[in-house]
Every structure is written in C-alpha cells, then in structure tokens.
Amino acid sequence: MRLVIATGNAGKLKELRELLPPPAFDVLPQSQFTAVNVDETGLSFVENAILKARHAAQASGLPAIADDSGLEVDALDGAPGIYSARYAGVGASDEDNLRKLLVALEGKTPEQRTARYQCALVFMRSAVDPSPLICQASWEGRITPDRRGTGGFGYDPIFELVERPVTVAELPAAEKNQLSHRGKALRGLVAQLRELHPIS
C-alpha cells in the first residue's frame, strides 16, 4: 500500500516508518508533495488528525495517515494537551516546551506528576473520504523533575513509565514502539486496514 504520512516532525516520521515497514507499505513523507502544513484548528486530537490527513491526501493524491498526539498532565488540568508541540509558543523547540513544563511542575510531588501520552491516528482513502478510520491509544506515566536518556523526542526525557523507573528516552527504539501510545494506535489502525484491504 502506497500512502503519505502527514507530518513534518522527523521523530514521528521515523517511528511511523518503522511501524509501517516494506514491502507491505510504501511510506512517503508529506514534504515530498507540499511544504505547507495545515493549521491545527481542531479542539481535540482526533479533529486535528482529520484535518492533517485530509490536507496530505489532497496534496498527494494518495491515501494518508495522520497522527495528532500530545502529553496530558493531570496537575495542569490536561495541559499541554493538543498544544504539546507549541506549549512554549509557535515555533518552540522541544527543549523550550520541556523547560516550560518542568517550571510549571516545580514543587509538585511524584504523586502529583501523573501524566499520559495520547495519540489519535486517522487513515483517509482520499481527501473526500466520508468515513476515515480512526484509532486512539494512551500511555500512562509520570513527569520526572530531571531529564534522563538521549533517545526519542519531545517530552520523552522526562516521561517516566509507571511499571519501572525509566524514561521513554532511555528505552531502545524497538521497545518504545512496542509500548507507546503511537505504536498501540498504529497497530490497531493497521489491523483495521488489513480487514478492509487484505495486504501481505
């Protein structure tokens, strides 16, 4: 299946390509067709993923998969949420966002640092697909006061697993893909795709 991935995030693109390997999938980046990103004006992860998938399908003429994901911190009433990539402002770097989050949680106990990654994945056969496939998943954890690890991207160096005291940035890439919100959502989406369009 030839499809386009609707993201300009190099880390997300790498993970999605690893989870959609050839020969079953021929994954192309959105940047191969357009340099323009759609405005994320939705009020939920699902709404934003639909906007991005439709934009990528329109630009490429191919089926599209779009991901919208982010971090929800309970002590911050779910922030940064859908604004995770721009928590510190439009054009903010991963480091800018991470630093702002650590400041916002200063003085909080480990019990007050519960959080989760959320992911919504959408598959659209075309830009006018009236019934896109949607799959959502989450990953529970807590926010550490200090960075640990060099892998991953975004908030991974401060997102610690519930089941053991390691951050996502300390996990091997293969294990992250197995455990992560994005990995779980994509496996669910691929299972739906295989039911509708059997592929080898």
C-alpha atoms as a PDB file:
ATOM      1  CA  MET A   1       0.000   0.000   0.000  1.00  0.00           C
ATOM      2  CA  ARG A   2       1.400   3.365  -1.068  1.00  0.00           C
ATOM      3  CA  LEU A   3       0.497   6.158   1.313  1.00  0.00           C
ATOM      4  CA  VAL A   4       1.611   9.524   2.617  1.00  0.00           C
ATOM      5  CA  ILE A   5       2.371  10.359   6.240  1.00  0.00           C
ATOM      6  CA  ALA A   6       1.003  13.748   7.227  1.00  0.00           C
ATOM      7  CA  THR A   7       3.722  15.074   9.486  1.00  0.00           C
ATOM      8  CA  GLY A   8       6.659  17.425   9.375  1.00  0.00           C
ATOM      9  CA  ASN A   9       8.030  16.003  12.620  1.00  0.00           C
ATOM     10  CA  ALA A  10      11.141  13.947  11.818  1.00  0.00           C
ATOM     11  CA  GLY A  11      10.814  11.889  15.003  1.00  0.00           C
ATOM     12  CA  LYS A  12       7.209  10.926  14.292  1.00  0.00           C
ATOM     13  CA  LEU A  13       8.028  10.127  10.653  1.00  0.00           C
ATOM     14  CA  LYS A  14      10.865   7.821  11.712  1.00  0.00           C
ATOM     15  CA  GLU A  15       8.648   5.975  14.206  1.00  0.00           C
ATOM     16  CA  LEU A  16       5.763   5.596  11.768  1.00  0.00           C
ATOM     17  CA  ARG A  17       8.059   4.281   9.039  1.00  0.00           C
ATOM     18  CA  GLU A  18       9.435   1.684  11.463  1.00  0.00           C
ATOM     19  CA  LEU A  19       5.891   0.628  12.300  1.00  0.00           C
ATOM     20  CA  LEU A  20       4.816   0.507   8.619  1.00  0.00           C
ATOM     21  CA  PRO A  21       7.672  -1.461   7.045  1.00  0.00           C
ATOM     22  CA  PRO A  22       8.058  -2.504   3.402  1.00  0.00           C
ATOM     23  CA  PRO A  23       7.075  -4.428   1.377  1.00  0.00           C
ATOM     24  CA  ALA A  24       3.514  -4.175   2.735  1.00  0.00           C
ATOM     25  CA  PHE A  25       3.751  -0.373   2.902  1.00  0.00           C
ATOM     26  CA  ASP A  26       5.467   2.247   0.755  1.00  0.00           C
ATOM     27  CA  VAL A  27       5.509   5.260   3.069  1.00  0.00           C
ATOM     28  CA  LEU A  28       6.138   8.725   1.641  1.00  0.00           C
ATOM     29  CA  PRO A  29       6.543  11.953   3.634  1.00  0.00           C
ATOM     30  CA  GLN A  30       4.138  14.829   3.124  1.00  0.00           C
ATOM     31  CA  SER A  31       7.127  17.078   2.362  1.00  0.00           C
ATOM     32  CA  GLN A  32       7.547  15.231  -0.952  1.00  0.00           C
ATOM     33  CA  PHE A  33       4.289  16.826  -2.131  1.00  0.00           C
ATOM     34  CA  THR A  34       3.911  20.116  -0.266  1.00  0.00           C
ATOM     35  CA  ALA A  35       5.844  22.373   2.091  1.00  0.00           C
ATOM     36  CA  VAL A  36       2.619  23.785   3.518  1.00  0.00           C
ATOM     37  CA  ASN A  37       1.257  22.458   6.807  1.00  0.00           C
ATOM     38  CA  VAL A  38      -2.423  22.737   7.621  1.00  0.00           C
ATOM     39  CA  ASP A  39      -3.476  24.904  10.568  1.00  0.00           C
ATOM     40  CA  GLU A  40      -4.346  22.716  13.559  1.00  0.00           C
ATOM     41  CA  THR A  41      -7.605  24.436  14.476  1.00  0.00           C
ATOM     42  CA  GLY A  42      -9.343  21.386  15.944  1.00  0.00           C
ATOM     43  CA  LEU A  43     -10.324  21.168  19.590  1.00  0.00           C
ATOM     44  CA  SER A  44      -9.228  17.551  20.018  1.00  0.00           C
ATOM     45  CA  PHE A  45      -6.500  15.180  18.872  1.00  0.00           C
ATOM     46  CA  VAL A  46      -8.982  13.454  16.543  1.00  0.00           C
ATOM     47  CA  GLU A  47     -10.136  16.692  14.917  1.00  0.00           C
ATOM     48  CA  ASN A  48      -6.562  17.784  14.258  1.00  0.00           C
ATOM     49  CA  ALA A  49      -5.594  14.376  12.871  1.00  0.00           C
ATOM     50  CA  ILE A  50      -8.524  14.507  10.430  1.00  0.00           C
ATOM     51  CA  LEU A  51      -7.502  17.995   9.276  1.00  0.00           C
ATOM     52  CA  LYS A  52      -3.932  16.835   8.682  1.00  0.00           C
ATOM     53  CA  ALA A  53      -4.897  13.611   6.902  1.00  0.00           C
ATOM     54  CA  ARG A  54      -7.278  15.439   4.575  1.00  0.00           C
ATOM     55  CA  HIS A  55      -4.613  18.028   3.747  1.00  0.00           C
ATOM     56  CA  ALA A  56      -1.974  15.369   2.992  1.00  0.00           C
ATOM     57  CA  ALA A  57      -4.358  13.326   0.836  1.00  0.00           C
ATOM     58  CA  GLN A  58      -5.339  16.449  -1.099  1.00  0.00           C
ATOM     59  CA  ALA A  59      -1.721  17.433  -1.704  1.00  0.00           C
ATOM     60  CA  SER A  60      -0.522  13.964  -2.702  1.00  0.00           C
ATOM     61  CA  GLY A  61      -3.496  12.282  -4.312  1.00  0.00           C
ATOM     62  CA  LEU A  62      -2.680   9.265  -2.126  1.00  0.00           C
ATOM     63  CA  PRO A  63      -4.267   7.667   0.931  1.00  0.00           C
ATOM     64  CA  ALA A  64      -2.957   9.427   4.022  1.00  0.00           C
ATOM     65  CA  ILE A  65      -2.239   8.638   7.645  1.00  0.00           C
ATOM     66  CA  ALA A  66      -2.101  11.497  10.129  1.00  0.00           C
ATOM     67  CA  ASP A  67      -1.170  11.457  13.767  1.00  0.00           C
ATOM     68  CA  ASP A  68      -2.057  14.022  16.362  1.00  0.00           C
ATOM     69  CA  SER A  69      -0.609  13.322  19.739  1.00  0.00           C
ATOM     70  CA  GLY A  70       0.496  15.032  22.884  1.00  0.00           C
ATOM     71  CA  LEU A  71       1.022  14.966  26.602  1.00  0.00           C
ATOM     72  CA  GLU A  72      -1.662  15.453  29.247  1.00  0.00           C
ATOM     73  CA  VAL A  73      -0.536  16.314  32.782  1.00  0.00           C
ATOM     74  CA  ASP A  74      -3.163  15.879  35.485  1.00  0.00           C
ATOM     75  CA  ALA A  75      -1.824  18.616  37.763  1.00  0.00           C
ATOM     76  CA  LEU A  76      -2.121  21.067  34.845  1.00  0.00           C
ATOM     77  CA  ASP A  77      -5.734  20.133  34.020  1.00  0.00           C
ATOM     78  CA  GLY A  78      -4.633  18.179  30.966  1.00  0.00           C
ATOM     79  CA  ALA A  79      -2.183  20.736  29.581  1.00  0.00           C
ATOM     80  CA  PRO A  80      -0.283  20.930  27.327  1.00  0.00           C
ATOM     81  CA  GLY A  81      -2.689  18.556  25.509  1.00  0.00           C
ATOM     82  CA  ILE A  82      -3.308  19.425  21.860  1.00  0.00           C
ATOM     83  CA  TYR A  83      -0.836  22.292  22.240  1.00  0.00           C
ATOM     84  CA  SER A  84       2.054  19.990  23.236  1.00  0.00           C
ATOM     85  CA  ALA A  85       4.189  20.845  20.189  1.00  0.00           C
ATOM     86  CA  ARG A  86       3.729  24.573  20.732  1.00  0.00           C
ATOM     87  CA  TYR A  87       3.379  24.697  24.517  1.00  0.00           C
ATOM     88  CA  ALA A  88       6.074  27.375  24.788  1.00  0.00           C
ATOM     89  CA  GLY A  89       4.737  29.256  21.760  1.00  0.00           C
ATOM     90  CA  VAL A  90       4.558  28.914  17.992  1.00  0.00           C
ATOM     91  CA  GLY A  91       7.879  27.692  16.657  1.00  0.00           C
ATOM     92  CA  ALA A  92       9.034  26.485  20.087  1.00  0.00           C
ATOM     93  CA  SER A  93      11.678  23.767  20.172  1.00  0.00           C
ATOM     94  CA  ASP A  94      11.375  20.507  22.083  1.00  0.00           C
ATOM     95  CA  GLU A  95      13.754  21.966  24.658  1.00  0.00           C
ATOM     96  CA  ASP A  96      11.623  25.121  25.040  1.00  0.00           C
ATOM     97  CA  ASN A  97       8.480  23.058  25.656  1.00  0.00           C
ATOM     98  CA  LEU A  98      10.211  20.675  28.035  1.00  0.00           C
ATOM     99  CA  ARG A  99      11.714  23.506  30.079  1.00  0.00           C
ATOM    100  CA  LYS A 100       8.344  25.273  30.385  1.00  0.00           C
ATOM    101  CA  LEU A 101       6.705  22.063  31.606  1.00  0.00           C
ATOM    102  CA  LEU A 102       9.381  21.468  34.243  1.00  0.00           C
ATOM    103  CA  VAL A 103       8.926  25.009  35.539  1.00  0.00           C
ATOM    104  CA  ALA A 104       5.137  24.563  35.669  1.00  0.00           C
ATOM    105  CA  LEU A 105       5.569  21.436  37.817  1.00  0.00           C
ATOM    106  CA  GLU A 106       8.181  22.804  40.228  1.00  0.00           C
ATOM    107  CA  GLY A 107       7.332  21.822  43.815  1.00  0.00           C
ATOM    108  CA  LYS A 108       4.971  19.016  42.781  1.00  0.00           C
ATOM    109  CA  THR A 109       5.415  15.619  44.440  1.00  0.00           C
ATOM    110  CA  PRO A 110       5.814  12.426  42.384  1.00  0.00           C
ATOM    111  CA  GLU A 111       2.164  11.608  43.147  1.00  0.00           C
ATOM    112  CA  GLN A 112       1.148  14.957  41.618  1.00  0.00           C
ATOM    113  CA  ARG A 113       3.124  14.374  38.421  1.00  0.00           C
ATOM    114  CA  THR A 114       0.897  11.760  36.802  1.00  0.00           C
ATOM    115  CA  ALA A 115       0.541  12.170  33.058  1.00  0.00           C
ATOM    116  CA  ARG A 116      -0.167  10.316  29.848  1.00  0.00           C
ATOM    117  CA  TYR A 117       0.700  10.467  26.207  1.00  0.00           C
ATOM    118  CA  GLN A 118      -2.341  10.466  23.920  1.00  0.00           C
ATOM    119  CA  CYS A 119      -2.420   9.599  20.228  1.00  0.00           C
ATOM    120  CA  ALA A 120      -5.129   9.784  17.581  1.00  0.00           C
ATOM    121  CA  LEU A 121      -4.343   8.222  14.206  1.00  0.00           C
ATOM    122  CA  VAL A 122      -6.522   8.748  11.152  1.00  0.00           C
ATOM    123  CA  PHE A 123      -6.429   6.979   7.781  1.00  0.00           C
ATOM    124  CA  MET A 124      -8.203   8.619   4.830  1.00  0.00           C
ATOM    125  CA  ARG A 125      -8.522   6.932   1.443  1.00  0.00           C
ATOM    126  CA  SER A 126      -8.798  10.349  -0.187  1.00  0.00           C
ATOM    127  CA  ALA A 127      -9.336  13.985   0.749  1.00  0.00           C
ATOM    128  CA  VAL A 128     -13.107  13.485   0.492  1.00  0.00           C
ATOM    129  CA  ASP A 129     -13.262  10.183   2.395  1.00  0.00           C
ATOM    130  CA  PRO A 130     -16.553  10.392   4.356  1.00  0.00           C
ATOM    131  CA  SER A 131     -15.634   7.608   6.776  1.00  0.00           C
ATOM    132  CA  PRO A 132     -11.984   7.797   7.823  1.00  0.00           C
ATOM    133  CA  LEU A 133     -10.535   5.068  10.016  1.00  0.00           C
ATOM    134  CA  ILE A 134      -9.725   6.370  13.495  1.00  0.00           C
ATOM    135  CA  CYS A 135      -7.737   4.686  16.239  1.00  0.00           C
ATOM    136  CA  GLN A 136      -6.762   6.157  19.619  1.00  0.00           C
ATOM    137  CA  ALA A 137      -4.437   4.974  22.372  1.00  0.00           C
ATOM    138  CA  SER A 138      -2.771   6.323  25.514  1.00  0.00           C
ATOM    139  CA  TRP A 139       0.359   5.619  27.571  1.00  0.00           C
ATOM    140  CA  GLU A 140       0.343   6.275  31.314  1.00  0.00           C
ATOM    141  CA  GLY A 141       3.356   7.650  33.150  1.00  0.00           C
ATOM    142  CA  ARG A 142       4.647  10.492  35.287  1.00  0.00           C
ATOM    143  CA  ILE A 143       6.812  13.546  34.741  1.00  0.00           C
ATOM    144  CA  THR A 144      10.286  13.426  36.285  1.00  0.00           C
ATOM    145  CA  PRO A 145      11.955  16.579  37.656  1.00  0.00           C
ATOM    146  CA  ASP A 146      15.116  15.929  35.621  1.00  0.00           C
ATOM    147  CA  ARG A 147      15.913  14.792  32.092  1.00  0.00           C
ATOM    148  CA  ARG A 148      17.161  11.236  31.594  1.00  0.00           C
ATOM    149  CA  GLY A 149      18.162   9.478  28.388  1.00  0.00           C
ATOM    150  CA  THR A 150      19.086  10.539  24.886  1.00  0.00           C
ATOM    151  CA  GLY A 151      16.556   8.688  22.722  1.00  0.00           C
ATOM    152  CA  GLY A 152      13.142   9.675  21.450  1.00  0.00           C
ATOM    153  CA  PHE A 153      11.997  13.267  21.070  1.00  0.00           C
ATOM    154  CA  GLY A 154       9.649  15.819  22.587  1.00  0.00           C
ATOM    155  CA  TYR A 155       8.891  15.144  26.255  1.00  0.00           C
ATOM    156  CA  ASP A 156      10.438  11.641  26.228  1.00  0.00           C
ATOM    157  CA  PRO A 157      13.401  12.543  28.525  1.00  0.00           C
ATOM    158  CA  ILE A 158      11.009  13.467  31.363  1.00  0.00           C
ATOM    159  CA  PHE A 159       8.208  10.928  30.818  1.00  0.00           C
ATOM    160  CA  GLU A 160       8.781   8.002  33.183  1.00  0.00           C
ATOM    161  CA  LEU A 161       6.997   4.672  32.848  1.00  0.00           C
ATOM    162  CA  VAL A 162       4.565   3.531  35.543  1.00  0.00           C
ATOM    163  CA  GLU A 163       5.854  -0.034  35.628  1.00  0.00           C
ATOM    164  CA  ARG A 164       9.553   0.765  36.090  1.00  0.00           C
ATOM    165  CA  PRO A 165      11.726   3.836  36.756  1.00  0.00           C
ATOM    166  CA  VAL A 166      12.985   4.566  33.242  1.00  0.00           C
ATOM    167  CA  THR A 167      12.066   7.407  30.934  1.00  0.00           C
ATOM    168  CA  VAL A 168      10.972   6.896  27.354  1.00  0.00           C
ATOM    169  CA  ALA A 169      14.254   8.479  26.243  1.00  0.00           C
ATOM    170  CA  GLU A 170      16.088   5.614  27.993  1.00  0.00           C
ATOM    171  CA  LEU A 171      14.225   2.909  26.047  1.00  0.00           C
ATOM    172  CA  PRO A 172      15.555   1.237  22.895  1.00  0.00           C
ATOM    173  CA  ALA A 173      13.551   2.396  19.861  1.00  0.00           C
ATOM    174  CA  ALA A 174      12.042  -1.065  19.302  1.00  0.00           C
ATOM    175  CA  GLU A 175      10.751  -1.226  22.879  1.00  0.00           C
ATOM    176  CA  LYS A 176       9.338   2.284  22.677  1.00  0.00           C
ATOM    177  CA  ASN A 177       7.436   1.352  19.514  1.00  0.00           C
ATOM    178  CA  GLN A 178       6.051  -1.708  21.276  1.00  0.00           C
ATOM    179  CA  LEU A 179       4.844   0.169  24.360  1.00  0.00           C
ATOM    180  CA  SER A 180       3.996   3.627  23.085  1.00  0.00           C
ATOM    181  CA  HIS A 181       0.657   5.299  22.510  1.00  0.00           C
ATOM    182  CA  ARG A 182       1.584   5.734  18.832  1.00  0.00           C
ATOM    183  CA  GLY A 183       2.647   2.125  18.434  1.00  0.00           C
ATOM    184  CA  LYS A 184      -0.559   0.846  20.012  1.00  0.00           C
ATOM    185  CA  ALA A 185      -2.741   3.163  17.922  1.00  0.00           C
ATOM    186  CA  LEU A 186      -0.955   2.249  14.702  1.00  0.00           C
ATOM    187  CA  ARG A 187      -1.207  -1.484  15.313  1.00  0.00           C
ATOM    188  CA  GLY A 188      -4.945  -1.010  15.827  1.00  0.00           C
ATOM    189  CA  LEU A 189      -5.196   1.039  12.647  1.00  0.00           C
ATOM    190  CA  VAL A 190      -3.202  -1.476  10.600  1.00  0.00           C
ATOM    191  CA  ALA A 191      -5.472  -4.258  11.869  1.00  0.00           C
ATOM    192  CA  GLN A 192      -8.479  -2.300  10.571  1.00  0.00           C
ATOM    193  CA  LEU A 193      -6.727  -1.712   7.242  1.00  0.00           C
ATOM    194  CA  ARG A 194      -5.966  -5.402   6.844  1.00  0.00           C
ATOM    195  CA  GLU A 195      -9.616  -6.263   7.422  1.00  0.00           C
ATOM    196  CA  LEU A 196     -10.800  -3.814   4.786  1.00  0.00           C
ATOM    197  CA  HIS A 197      -7.949  -4.248   2.295  1.00  0.00           C
ATOM    198  CA  PRO A 198      -6.091  -7.533   2.781  1.00  0.00           C
ATOM    199  CA  ILE A 199      -2.365  -6.998   2.225  1.00  0.00           C
ATOM    200  CA  SER A 200       0.534  -9.355   2.524  1.00  0.00           C
END
